[in-house]
Amino acid sequence: MTAYNPDSKIFTGTDNPRHLRVIQVLLMRPLTREAVDSTAGASNGPDLISQIRDLFPAADDLHEFIRCDRINFIDRDGKPCRPGVYSFTEKARRLVIQWISKRKSGCVKNA
């Protein structure tokens, strides 16, 4: 995995397969925590999202690149709950697409 660089102005990218799977799907649609777990093939979605957030430039707002919107939901016991749904912001989407483009052209060495 690429090391966290708080001074970076770009998305530093990653070669971690779990990160890559989640990033690929987040480019297409939002994900619940359970969907992050399933997509990544791991069982700690919030930690994985935190690791992916660390690949972005330093931000004053935790949600500047990956949002977590709370939705109203009824659980299997009929109780109301508010699960989180993760999504890339447009700014994050642009940075990731730039990284993918450079990666495909051979300008970056990740994965």
PDB file of N, CA and C in Angstrom:
ATOM      1  N   MET A   1       0.841  -1.177   0.000  1.00  0.00           N
ATOM      2  CA  MET A   1       0.000   0.000   0.000  1.00  0.00           C
ATOM      3  C   MET A   1       0.885   1.239   0.000  1.00  0.00           C
ATOM      4  N   THR A   2       0.465   2.256  -0.702  1.00  0.00           N
ATOM      5  CA  THR A   2       1.190   3.516  -0.718  1.00  0.00           C
ATOM      6  C   THR A   2       1.062   4.180   0.647  1.00  0.00           C
ATOM      7  N   ALA A   3       2.140   4.747   1.145  1.00  0.00           N
ATOM      8  CA  ALA A   3       2.140   5.372   2.464  1.00  0.00           C
ATOM      9  C   ALA A   3       1.334   6.665   2.462  1.00  0.00           C
ATOM     10  N   TYR A   4       0.711   6.956   3.605  1.00  0.00           N
ATOM     11  CA  TYR A   4      -0.041   8.191   3.792  1.00  0.00           C
ATOM     12  C   TYR A   4       0.907   9.372   3.704  1.00  0.00           C
ATOM     13  N   ASN A   5       0.536  10.368   2.930  1.00  0.00           N
ATOM     14  CA  ASN A   5       1.351  11.567   2.764  1.00  0.00           C
ATOM     15  C   ASN A   5       0.470  12.782   2.991  1.00  0.00           C
ATOM     16  N   PRO A   6       0.477  13.365   4.207  1.00  0.00           N
ATOM     17  CA  PRO A   6      -0.416  14.484   4.504  1.00  0.00           C
ATOM     18  C   PRO A   6      -0.137  15.731   3.679  1.00  0.00           C
ATOM     19  N   ASP A   7       1.036  15.838   3.071  1.00  0.00           N
ATOM     20  CA  ASP A   7       1.361  17.015   2.269  1.00  0.00           C
ATOM     21  C   ASP A   7       1.001  16.843   0.792  1.00  0.00           C
ATOM     22  N   SER A   8       0.544  15.670   0.432  1.00  0.00           N
ATOM     23  CA  SER A   8       0.223  15.395  -0.967  1.00  0.00           C
ATOM     24  C   SER A   8      -0.979  16.215  -1.420  1.00  0.00           C
ATOM     25  N   LYS A   9      -0.973  16.626  -2.682  1.00  0.00           N
ATOM     26  CA  LYS A   9      -2.098  17.354  -3.274  1.00  0.00           C
ATOM     27  C   LYS A   9      -2.874  16.456  -4.227  1.00  0.00           C
ATOM     28  N   ILE A  10      -2.461  15.202  -4.316  1.00  0.00           N
ATOM     29  CA  ILE A  10      -3.097  14.266  -5.235  1.00  0.00           C
ATOM     30  C   ILE A  10      -3.577  13.037  -4.481  1.00  0.00           C
ATOM     31  N   PHE A  11      -4.347  12.216  -5.155  1.00  0.00           N
ATOM     32  CA  PHE A  11      -4.698  10.894  -4.642  1.00  0.00           C
ATOM     33  C   PHE A  11      -3.474  10.029  -4.869  1.00  0.00           C
ATOM     34  N   THR A  12      -2.904   9.478  -3.794  1.00  0.00           N
ATOM     35  CA  THR A  12      -1.630   8.774  -3.916  1.00  0.00           C
ATOM     36  C   THR A  12      -1.770   7.381  -4.504  1.00  0.00           C
ATOM     37  N   GLY A  13      -2.978   6.842  -4.504  1.00  0.00           N
ATOM     38  CA  GLY A  13      -3.188   5.529  -5.096  1.00  0.00           C
ATOM     39  C   GLY A  13      -2.801   4.406  -4.156  1.00  0.00           C
ATOM     40  N   THR A  14      -2.987   3.188  -4.628  1.00  0.00           N
ATOM     41  CA  THR A  14      -2.774   2.006  -3.805  1.00  0.00           C
ATOM     42  C   THR A  14      -2.567   0.791  -4.696  1.00  0.00           C
ATOM     43  N   ASP A  15      -1.957  -0.220  -4.130  1.00  0.00           N
ATOM     44  CA  ASP A  15      -1.891  -1.508  -4.819  1.00  0.00           C
ATOM     45  C   ASP A  15      -2.584  -2.587  -3.974  1.00  0.00           C
ATOM     46  N   ASN A  16      -3.265  -2.164  -2.915  1.00  0.00           N
ATOM     47  CA  ASN A  16      -3.989  -3.077  -2.040  1.00  0.00           C
ATOM     48  C   ASN A  16      -5.249  -3.566  -2.764  1.00  0.00           C
ATOM     49  N   PRO A  17      -5.381  -4.874  -2.987  1.00  0.00           N
ATOM     50  CA  PRO A  17      -6.537  -5.384  -3.732  1.00  0.00           C
ATOM     51  C   PRO A  17      -7.886  -5.035  -3.099  1.00  0.00           C
ATOM     52  N   ARG A  18      -7.945  -5.008  -1.774  1.00  0.00           N
ATOM     53  CA  ARG A  18      -9.206  -4.642  -1.106  1.00  0.00           C
ATOM     54  C   ARG A  18      -9.563  -3.196  -1.418  1.00  0.00           C
ATOM     55  N   HIS A  19      -8.576  -2.310  -1.326  1.00  0.00           N
ATOM     56  CA  HIS A  19      -8.809  -0.901  -1.667  1.00  0.00           C
ATOM     57  C   HIS A  19      -9.274  -0.779  -3.109  1.00  0.00           C
ATOM     58  N   LEU A  20      -8.571  -1.460  -4.004  1.00  0.00           N
ATOM     59  CA  LEU A  20      -8.880  -1.348  -5.432  1.00  0.00           C
ATOM     60  C   LEU A  20     -10.302  -1.808  -5.740  1.00  0.00           C
ATOM     61  N   ARG A  21     -10.753  -2.882  -5.098  1.00  0.00           N
ATOM     62  CA  ARG A  21     -12.121  -3.362  -5.343  1.00  0.00           C
ATOM     63  C   ARG A  21     -13.150  -2.346  -4.866  1.00  0.00           C
ATOM     64  N   VAL A  22     -12.930  -1.777  -3.678  1.00  0.00           N
ATOM     65  CA  VAL A  22     -13.877  -0.800  -3.135  1.00  0.00           C
ATOM     66  C   VAL A  22     -13.851   0.479  -3.966  1.00  0.00           C
ATOM     67  N   ILE A  23     -12.673   0.949  -4.339  1.00  0.00           N
ATOM     68  CA  ILE A  23     -12.552   2.153  -5.165  1.00  0.00           C
ATOM     69  C   ILE A  23     -13.298   1.964  -6.484  1.00  0.00           C
ATOM     70  N   GLN A  24     -13.122   0.815  -7.100  1.00  0.00           N
ATOM     71  CA  GLN A  24     -13.780   0.541  -8.382  1.00  0.00           C
ATOM     72  C   GLN A  24     -15.301   0.661  -8.258  1.00  0.00           C
ATOM     73  N   VAL A  25     -15.863   0.100  -7.198  1.00  0.00           N
ATOM     74  CA  VAL A  25     -17.316   0.150  -7.034  1.00  0.00           C
ATOM     75  C   VAL A  25     -17.769   1.543  -6.607  1.00  0.00           C
ATOM     76  N   LEU A  26     -17.003   2.223  -5.740  1.00  0.00           N
ATOM     77  CA  LEU A  26     -17.386   3.580  -5.339  1.00  0.00           C
ATOM     78  C   LEU A  26     -17.411   4.544  -6.530  1.00  0.00           C
ATOM     79  N   LEU A  27     -16.637   4.270  -7.546  1.00  0.00           N
ATOM     80  CA  LEU A  27     -16.705   5.098  -8.755  1.00  0.00           C
ATOM     81  C   LEU A  27     -18.048   4.919  -9.468  1.00  0.00           C
ATOM     82  N   MET A  28     -18.706   3.798  -9.225  1.00  0.00           N
ATOM     83  CA  MET A  28     -19.978   3.507  -9.899  1.00  0.00           C
ATOM     84  C   MET A  28     -21.206   3.813  -9.049  1.00  0.00           C
ATOM     85  N   ARG A  29     -21.095   3.583  -7.714  1.00  0.00           N
ATOM     86  CA  ARG A  29     -22.282   3.749  -6.873  1.00  0.00           C
ATOM     87  C   ARG A  29     -21.882   3.827  -5.393  1.00  0.00           C
ATOM     88  N   PRO A  30     -22.788   4.350  -4.556  1.00  0.00           N
ATOM     89  CA  PRO A  30     -22.551   4.356  -3.105  1.00  0.00           C
ATOM     90  C   PRO A  30     -22.591   2.938  -2.541  1.00  0.00           C
ATOM     91  N   LEU A  31     -21.956   2.769  -1.377  1.00  0.00           N
ATOM     92  CA  LEU A  31     -21.899   1.458  -0.720  1.00  0.00           C
ATOM     93  C   LEU A  31     -22.249   1.575   0.761  1.00  0.00           C
ATOM     94  N   THR A  32     -23.059   0.653   1.251  1.00  0.00           N
ATOM     95  CA  THR A  32     -23.278   0.543   2.694  1.00  0.00           C
ATOM     96  C   THR A  32     -22.041  -0.105   3.311  1.00  0.00           C
ATOM     97  N   ARG A  33     -21.970  -0.107   4.637  1.00  0.00           N
ATOM     98  CA  ARG A  33     -20.841  -0.757   5.294  1.00  0.00           C
ATOM     99  C   ARG A  33     -20.802  -2.238   4.935  1.00  0.00           C
ATOM    100  N   GLU A  34     -21.957  -2.871   4.936  1.00  0.00           N
ATOM    101  CA  GLU A  34     -22.007  -4.294   4.596  1.00  0.00           C
ATOM    102  C   GLU A  34     -21.538  -4.530   3.163  1.00  0.00           C
ATOM    103  N   ALA A  35     -21.906  -3.630   2.260  1.00  0.00           N
ATOM    104  CA  ALA A  35     -21.482  -3.765   0.861  1.00  0.00           C
ATOM    105  C   ALA A  35     -19.980  -3.533   0.724  1.00  0.00           C
ATOM    106  N   VAL A  36     -19.418  -2.631   1.541  1.00  0.00           N
ATOM    107  CA  VAL A  36     -17.959  -2.435   1.539  1.00  0.00           C
ATOM    108  C   VAL A  36     -17.286  -3.737   1.966  1.00  0.00           C
ATOM    109  N   ASP A  37     -17.792  -4.346   3.043  1.00  0.00           N
ATOM    110  CA  ASP A  37     -17.239  -5.623   3.517  1.00  0.00           C
ATOM    111  C   ASP A  37     -17.275  -6.679   2.415  1.00  0.00           C
ATOM    112  N   SER A  38     -18.423  -6.817   1.793  1.00  0.00           N
ATOM    113  CA  SER A  38     -18.607  -7.831   0.756  1.00  0.00           C
ATOM    114  C   SER A  38     -17.724  -7.560  -0.460  1.00  0.00           C
ATOM    115  N   THR A  39     -17.667  -6.308  -0.883  1.00  0.00           N
ATOM    116  CA  THR A  39     -16.856  -5.927  -2.044  1.00  0.00           C
ATOM    117  C   THR A  39     -15.375  -6.159  -1.774  1.00  0.00           C
ATOM    118  N   ALA A  40     -14.929  -5.756  -0.583  1.00  0.00           N
ATOM    119  CA  ALA A  40     -13.511  -5.865  -0.239  1.00  0.00           C
ATOM    120  C   ALA A  40     -13.097  -7.303   0.048  1.00  0.00           C
ATOM    121  N   GLY A  41     -14.050  -8.107   0.504  1.00  0.00           N
ATOM    122  CA  GLY A  41     -13.701  -9.454   0.936  1.00  0.00           C
ATOM    123  C   GLY A  41     -13.118  -9.438   2.333  1.00  0.00           C
ATOM    124  N   ALA A  42     -13.520  -8.460   3.122  1.00  0.00           N
ATOM    125  CA  ALA A  42     -13.041  -8.293   4.495  1.00  0.00           C
ATOM    126  C   ALA A  42     -14.247  -7.959   5.369  1.00  0.00           C
ATOM    127  N   SER A  43     -14.038  -7.828   6.671  1.00  0.00           N
ATOM    128  CA  SER A  43     -15.181  -7.563   7.546  1.00  0.00           C
ATOM    129  C   SER A  43     -15.000  -6.332   8.422  1.00  0.00           C
ATOM    130  N   ASN A  44     -14.231  -5.354   7.968  1.00  0.00           N
ATOM    131  CA  ASN A  44     -14.090  -4.120   8.732  1.00  0.00           C
ATOM    132  C   ASN A  44     -14.154  -2.926   7.787  1.00  0.00           C
ATOM    133  N   GLY A  45     -15.331  -2.739   7.191  1.00  0.00           N
ATOM    134  CA  GLY A  45     -15.542  -1.675   6.215  1.00  0.00           C
ATOM    135  C   GLY A  45     -15.138  -0.288   6.684  1.00  0.00           C
ATOM    136  N   PRO A  46     -15.526   0.140   7.906  1.00  0.00           N
ATOM    137  CA  PRO A  46     -15.151   1.483   8.341  1.00  0.00           C
ATOM    138  C   PRO A  46     -13.630   1.707   8.382  1.00  0.00           C
ATOM    139  N   ASP A  47     -12.878   0.693   8.814  1.00  0.00           N
ATOM    140  CA  ASP A  47     -11.420   0.823   8.826  1.00  0.00           C
ATOM    141  C   ASP A  47     -10.875   0.894   7.403  1.00  0.00           C
ATOM    142  N   LEU A  48     -11.429   0.111   6.518  1.00  0.00           N
ATOM    143  CA  LEU A  48     -10.998   0.128   5.120  1.00  0.00           C
ATOM    144  C   LEU A  48     -11.275   1.494   4.489  1.00  0.00           C
ATOM    145  N   ILE A  49     -12.451   2.058   4.762  1.00  0.00           N
ATOM    146  CA  ILE A  49     -12.778   3.397   4.246  1.00  0.00           C
ATOM    147  C   ILE A  49     -11.801   4.418   4.822  1.00  0.00           C
ATOM    148  N   SER A  50     -11.457   4.290   6.093  1.00  0.00           N
ATOM    149  CA  SER A  50     -10.474   5.188   6.710  1.00  0.00           C
ATOM    150  C   SER A  50      -9.123   5.088   6.002  1.00  0.00           C
ATOM    151  N   GLN A  51      -8.707   3.873   5.685  1.00  0.00           N
ATOM    152  CA  GLN A  51      -7.440   3.688   4.962  1.00  0.00           C
ATOM    153  C   GLN A  51      -7.496   4.344   3.583  1.00  0.00           C
ATOM    154  N   ILE A  52      -8.617   4.208   2.897  1.00  0.00           N
ATOM    155  CA  ILE A  52      -8.758   4.828   1.572  1.00  0.00           C
ATOM    156  C   ILE A  52      -8.776   6.345   1.705  1.00  0.00           C
ATOM    157  N   ARG A  53      -9.442   6.867   2.741  1.00  0.00           N
ATOM    158  CA  ARG A  53      -9.438   8.326   2.965  1.00  0.00           C
ATOM    159  C   ARG A  53      -8.010   8.842   3.127  1.00  0.00           C
ATOM    160  N   ASP A  54      -7.152   8.055   3.765  1.00  0.00           N
ATOM    161  CA  ASP A  54      -5.763   8.470   3.986  1.00  0.00           C
ATOM    162  C   ASP A  54      -4.965   8.574   2.688  1.00  0.00           C
ATOM    163  N   LEU A  55      -5.470   8.028   1.603  1.00  0.00           N
ATOM    164  CA  LEU A  55      -4.782   8.107   0.311  1.00  0.00           C
ATOM    165  C   LEU A  55      -5.040   9.435  -0.396  1.00  0.00           C
ATOM    166  N   PHE A  56      -6.001  10.194   0.112  1.00  0.00           N
ATOM    167  CA  PHE A  56      -6.334  11.496  -0.462  1.00  0.00           C
ATOM    168  C   PHE A  56      -5.516  12.590   0.217  1.00  0.00           C
ATOM    169  N   PRO A  57      -5.437  13.776  -0.397  1.00  0.00           N
ATOM    170  CA  PRO A  57      -4.737  14.892   0.252  1.00  0.00           C
ATOM    171  C   PRO A  57      -5.360  15.191   1.618  1.00  0.00           C
ATOM    172  N   ALA A  58      -4.575  15.783   2.493  1.00  0.00           N
ATOM    173  CA  ALA A  58      -5.077  16.175   3.807  1.00  0.00           C
ATOM    174  C   ALA A  58      -6.285  17.086   3.629  1.00  0.00           C
ATOM    175  N   ALA A  59      -7.294  16.894   4.473  1.00  0.00           N
ATOM    176  CA  ALA A  59      -8.523  17.672   4.365  1.00  0.00           C
ATOM    177  C   ALA A  59      -8.970  18.123   5.743  1.00  0.00           C
ATOM    178  N   ASP A  60      -9.569  19.305   5.802  1.00  0.00           N
ATOM    179  CA  ASP A  60     -10.120  19.801   7.060  1.00  0.00           C
ATOM    180  C   ASP A  60     -11.399  19.048   7.420  1.00  0.00           C
ATOM    181  N   ASP A  61     -12.100  18.595   6.396  1.00  0.00           N
ATOM    182  CA  ASP A  61     -13.368  17.902   6.583  1.00  0.00           C
ATOM    183  C   ASP A  61     -13.187  16.423   6.258  1.00  0.00           C
ATOM    184  N   LEU A  62     -13.499  15.566   7.207  1.00  0.00           N
ATOM    185  CA  LEU A  62     -13.370  14.119   7.032  1.00  0.00           C
ATOM    186  C   LEU A  62     -14.110  13.633   5.790  1.00  0.00           C
ATOM    187  N   HIS A  63     -15.202  14.320   5.452  1.00  0.00           N
ATOM    188  CA  HIS A  63     -16.054  13.881   4.340  1.00  0.00           C
ATOM    189  C   HIS A  63     -15.760  14.609   3.033  1.00  0.00           C
ATOM    190  N   GLU A  64     -14.621  15.277   2.940  1.00  0.00           N
ATOM    191  CA  GLU A  64     -14.298  16.022   1.725  1.00  0.00           C
ATOM    192  C   GLU A  64     -14.142  15.101   0.515  1.00  0.00           C
ATOM    193  N   PHE A  65     -13.707  13.885   0.726  1.00  0.00           N
ATOM    194  CA  PHE A  65     -13.469  12.966  -0.383  1.00  0.00           C
ATOM    195  C   PHE A  65     -14.401  11.753  -0.363  1.00  0.00           C
ATOM    196  N   ILE A  66     -14.657  11.213   0.814  1.00  0.00           N
ATOM    197  CA  ILE A  66     -15.602  10.099   0.932  1.00  0.00           C
ATOM    198  C   ILE A  66     -16.661  10.501   1.952  1.00  0.00           C
ATOM    199  N   ARG A  67     -17.878  10.640   1.455  1.00  0.00           N
ATOM    200  CA  ARG A  67     -18.993  11.007   2.329  1.00  0.00           C
ATOM    201  C   ARG A  67     -19.542   9.758   3.013  1.00  0.00           C
ATOM    202  N   CYS A  68     -20.178   9.974   4.154  1.00  0.00           N
ATOM    203  CA  CYS A  68     -20.953   8.917   4.797  1.00  0.00           C
ATOM    204  C   CYS A  68     -22.298   9.539   5.161  1.00  0.00           C
ATOM    205  N   ASP A  69     -23.288   9.262   4.331  1.00  0.00           N
ATOM    206  CA  ASP A  69     -24.626   9.798   4.565  1.00  0.00           C
ATOM    207  C   ASP A  69     -25.440   8.780   5.344  1.00  0.00           C
ATOM    208  N   ARG A  70     -26.122   9.260   6.373  1.00  0.00           N
ATOM    209  CA  ARG A  70     -26.973   8.384   7.181  1.00  0.00           C
ATOM    210  C   ARG A  70     -28.356   8.336   6.539  1.00  0.00           C
ATOM    211  N   ILE A  71     -28.878   7.132   6.390  1.00  0.00           N
ATOM    212  CA  ILE A  71     -30.204   6.967   5.808  1.00  0.00           C
ATOM    213  C   ILE A  71     -31.152   6.399   6.854  1.00  0.00           C
ATOM    214  N   ASN A  72     -32.432   6.663   6.693  1.00  0.00           N
ATOM    215  CA  ASN A  72     -33.443   6.087   7.575  1.00  0.00           C
ATOM    216  C   ASN A  72     -33.771   4.693   7.072  1.00  0.00           C
ATOM    217  N   PHE A  73     -33.793   3.743   7.996  1.00  0.00           N
ATOM    218  CA  PHE A  73     -33.989   2.349   7.613  1.00  0.00           C
ATOM    219  C   PHE A  73     -34.711   1.635   8.751  1.00  0.00           C
ATOM    220  N   ILE A  74     -35.376   0.556   8.439  1.00  0.00           N
ATOM    221  CA  ILE A  74     -36.001  -0.296   9.453  1.00  0.00           C
ATOM    222  C   ILE A  74     -35.236  -1.618   9.461  1.00  0.00           C
ATOM    223  N   ASP A  75     -34.726  -2.011  10.635  1.00  0.00           N
ATOM    224  CA  ASP A  75     -33.948  -3.251  10.702  1.00  0.00           C
ATOM    225  C   ASP A  75     -34.866  -4.475  10.704  1.00  0.00           C
ATOM    226  N   ARG A  76     -34.287  -5.652  10.753  1.00  0.00           N
ATOM    227  CA  ARG A  76     -35.080  -6.888  10.657  1.00  0.00           C
ATOM    228  C   ARG A  76     -36.027  -7.081  11.833  1.00  0.00           C
ATOM    229  N   ASP A  77     -35.798  -6.365  12.938  1.00  0.00           N
ATOM    230  CA  ASP A  77     -36.689  -6.448  14.094  1.00  0.00           C
ATOM    231  C   ASP A  77     -37.757  -5.363  14.074  1.00  0.00           C
ATOM    232  N   GLY A  78     -37.815  -4.605  12.980  1.00  0.00           N
ATOM    233  CA  GLY A  78     -38.812  -3.546  12.852  1.00  0.00           C
ATOM    234  C   GLY A  78     -38.437  -2.260  13.562  1.00  0.00           C
ATOM    235  N   LYS A  79     -37.204  -2.159  13.988  1.00  0.00           N
ATOM    236  CA  LYS A  79     -36.733  -0.963  14.702  1.00  0.00           C
ATOM    237  C   LYS A  79     -36.090   0.016  13.719  1.00  0.00           C
ATOM    238  N   PRO A  80     -36.343   1.310  13.917  1.00  0.00           N
ATOM    239  CA  PRO A  80     -35.685   2.295  13.046  1.00  0.00           C
ATOM    240  C   PRO A  80     -34.187   2.360  13.347  1.00  0.00           C
ATOM    241  N   CYS A  81     -33.403   2.530  12.316  1.00  0.00           N
ATOM    242  CA  CYS A  81     -31.956   2.692  12.477  1.00  0.00           C
ATOM    243  C   CYS A  81     -31.466   3.636  11.381  1.00  0.00           C
ATOM    244  N   ARG A  82     -30.208   4.048  11.475  1.00  0.00           N
ATOM    245  CA  ARG A  82     -29.658   5.005  10.510  1.00  0.00           C
ATOM    246  C   ARG A  82     -28.291   4.531  10.024  1.00  0.00           C
ATOM    247  N   PRO A  83     -28.275   3.523   9.164  1.00  0.00           N
ATOM    248  CA  PRO A  83     -26.983   3.051   8.646  1.00  0.00           C
ATOM    249  C   PRO A  83     -26.336   4.088   7.738  1.00  0.00           C
ATOM    250  N   GLY A  84     -25.017   3.999   7.644  1.00  0.00           N
ATOM    251  CA  GLY A  84     -24.266   4.912   6.783  1.00  0.00           C
ATOM    252  C   GLY A  84     -24.090   4.345   5.387  1.00  0.00           C
ATOM    253  N   VAL A  85     -24.050   5.243   4.417  1.00  0.00           N
ATOM    254  CA  VAL A  85     -23.800   4.873   3.026  1.00  0.00           C
ATOM    255  C   VAL A  85     -22.623   5.717   2.539  1.00  0.00           C
ATOM    256  N   TYR A  86     -21.547   5.049   2.122  1.00  0.00           N
ATOM    257  CA  TYR A  86     -20.336   5.728   1.664  1.00  0.00           C
ATOM    258  C   TYR A  86     -20.436   6.058   0.180  1.00  0.00           C
ATOM    259  N   SER A  87     -19.906   7.230  -0.189  1.00  0.00           N
ATOM    260  CA  SER A  87     -19.837   7.603  -1.603  1.00  0.00           C
ATOM    261  C   SER A  87     -18.678   8.569  -1.815  1.00  0.00           C
ATOM    262  N   PHE A  88     -18.122   8.540  -3.028  1.00  0.00           N
ATOM    263  CA  PHE A  88     -17.095   9.507  -3.401  1.00  0.00           C
ATOM    264  C   PHE A  88     -17.750  10.853  -3.675  1.00  0.00           C
ATOM    265  N   THR A  89     -17.086  11.926  -3.278  1.00  0.00           N
ATOM    266  CA  THR A  89     -17.509  13.254  -3.713  1.00  0.00           C
ATOM    267  C   THR A  89     -17.022  13.440  -5.151  1.00  0.00           C
ATOM    268  N   GLU A  90     -17.509  14.467  -5.818  1.00  0.00           N
ATOM    269  CA  GLU A  90     -17.045  14.734  -7.188  1.00  0.00           C
ATOM    270  C   GLU A  90     -15.540  15.018  -7.203  1.00  0.00           C
ATOM    271  N   LYS A  91     -15.058  15.708  -6.166  1.00  0.00           N
ATOM    272  CA  LYS A  91     -13.619  16.007  -6.068  1.00  0.00           C
ATOM    273  C   LYS A  91     -12.811  14.708  -5.986  1.00  0.00           C
ATOM    274  N   ALA A  92     -13.267  13.781  -5.167  1.00  0.00           N
ATOM    275  CA  ALA A  92     -12.582  12.488  -5.036  1.00  0.00           C
ATOM    276  C   ALA A  92     -12.625  11.728  -6.348  1.00  0.00           C
ATOM    277  N   ARG A  93     -13.776  11.736  -6.973  1.00  0.00           N
ATOM    278  CA  ARG A  93     -13.945  11.030  -8.247  1.00  0.00           C
ATOM    279  C   ARG A  93     -12.943  11.538  -9.285  1.00  0.00           C
ATOM    280  N   ARG A  94     -12.787  12.861  -9.374  1.00  0.00           N
ATOM    281  CA  ARG A  94     -11.818  13.452 -10.319  1.00  0.00           C
ATOM    282  C   ARG A  94     -10.394  13.007 -10.005  1.00  0.00           C
ATOM    283  N   LEU A  95     -10.014  13.051  -8.721  1.00  0.00           N
ATOM    284  CA  LEU A  95      -8.653  12.666  -8.334  1.00  0.00           C
ATOM    285  C   LEU A  95      -8.380  11.190  -8.620  1.00  0.00           C
ATOM    286  N   VAL A  96      -9.346  10.338  -8.335  1.00  0.00           N
ATOM    287  CA  VAL A  96      -9.167   8.900  -8.577  1.00  0.00           C
ATOM    288  C   VAL A  96      -9.066   8.627 -10.079  1.00  0.00           C
ATOM    289  N   ILE A  97      -9.914   9.268 -10.858  1.00  0.00           N
ATOM    290  CA  ILE A  97      -9.872   9.066 -12.313  1.00  0.00           C
ATOM    291  C   ILE A  97      -8.540   9.554 -12.884  1.00  0.00           C
ATOM    292  N   GLN A  98      -8.014  10.668 -12.364  1.00  0.00           N
ATOM    293  CA  GLN A  98      -6.686  11.144 -12.800  1.00  0.00           C
ATOM    294  C   GLN A  98      -5.623  10.100 -12.469  1.00  0.00           C
ATOM    295  N   TRP A  99      -5.690   9.541 -11.266  1.00  0.00           N
ATOM    296  CA  TRP A  99      -4.722   8.521 -10.859  1.00  0.00           C
ATOM    297  C   TRP A  99      -4.819   7.291 -11.760  1.00  0.00           C
ATOM    298  N   ILE A 100      -6.042   6.844 -12.023  1.00  0.00           N
ATOM    299  CA  ILE A 100      -6.238   5.673 -12.893  1.00  0.00           C
ATOM    300  C   ILE A 100      -5.658   5.944 -14.276  1.00  0.00           C
ATOM    301  N   SER A 101      -5.894   7.132 -14.780  1.00  0.00           N
ATOM    302  CA  SER A 101      -5.391   7.498 -16.109  1.00  0.00           C
ATOM    303  C   SER A 101      -3.863   7.459 -16.153  1.00  0.00           C
ATOM    304  N   LYS A 102      -3.222   8.013 -15.129  1.00  0.00           N
ATOM    305  CA  LYS A 102      -1.753   8.001 -15.062  1.00  0.00           C
ATOM    306  C   LYS A 102      -1.232   6.579 -14.884  1.00  0.00           C
ATOM    307  N   ARG A 103      -1.936   5.796 -14.097  1.00  0.00           N
ATOM    308  CA  ARG A 103      -1.538   4.413 -13.836  1.00  0.00           C
ATOM    309  C   ARG A 103      -1.592   3.588 -15.119  1.00  0.00           C
ATOM    310  N   LYS A 104      -2.641   3.787 -15.896  1.00  0.00           N
ATOM    311  CA  LYS A 104      -2.786   3.043 -17.154  1.00  0.00           C
ATOM    312  C   LYS A 104      -1.726   3.444 -18.172  1.00  0.00           C
ATOM    313  N   SER A 105      -1.293   4.706 -18.114  1.00  0.00           N
ATOM    314  CA  SER A 105      -0.287   5.166 -19.076  1.00  0.00           C
ATOM    315  C   SER A 105       1.134   4.824 -18.630  1.00  0.00           C
ATOM    316  N   GLY A 106       1.268   4.221 -17.446  1.00  0.00           N
ATOM    317  CA  GLY A 106       2.582   3.818 -16.964  1.00  0.00           C
ATOM    318  C   GLY A 106       3.318   4.899 -16.195  1.00  0.00           C
ATOM    319  N   CYS A 107       2.638   6.007 -15.886  1.00  0.00           N
ATOM    320  CA  CYS A 107       3.288   7.108 -15.166  1.00  0.00           C
ATOM    321  C   CYS A 107       3.410   6.844 -13.674  1.00  0.00           C
ATOM    322  N   VAL A 108       2.623   5.918 -13.153  1.00  0.00           N
ATOM    323  CA  VAL A 108       2.748   5.553 -11.741  1.00  0.00           C
ATOM    324  C   VAL A 108       3.000   4.061 -11.664  1.00  0.00           C
ATOM    325  N   LYS A 109       3.654   3.646 -10.596  1.00  0.00           N
ATOM    326  CA  LYS A 109       4.081   2.259 -10.487  1.00  0.00           C
ATOM    327  C   LYS A 109       3.102   1.388  -9.707  1.00  0.00           C
ATOM    328  N   ASN A 110       2.080   1.989  -9.075  1.00  0.00           N
ATOM    329  CA  ASN A 110       1.145   1.200  -8.264  1.00  0.00           C
ATOM    330  C   ASN A 110       0.405   0.189  -9.113  1.00  0.00           C
ATOM    331  N   ALA A 111       0.283  -1.018  -8.558  1.00  0.00           N
ATOM    332  CA  ALA A 111      -0.481  -2.129  -9.147  1.00  0.00           C
ATOM    333  C   ALA A 111      -0.270  -2.162 -10.626  1.00  0.00           C
TER     334      ALA A 111
END
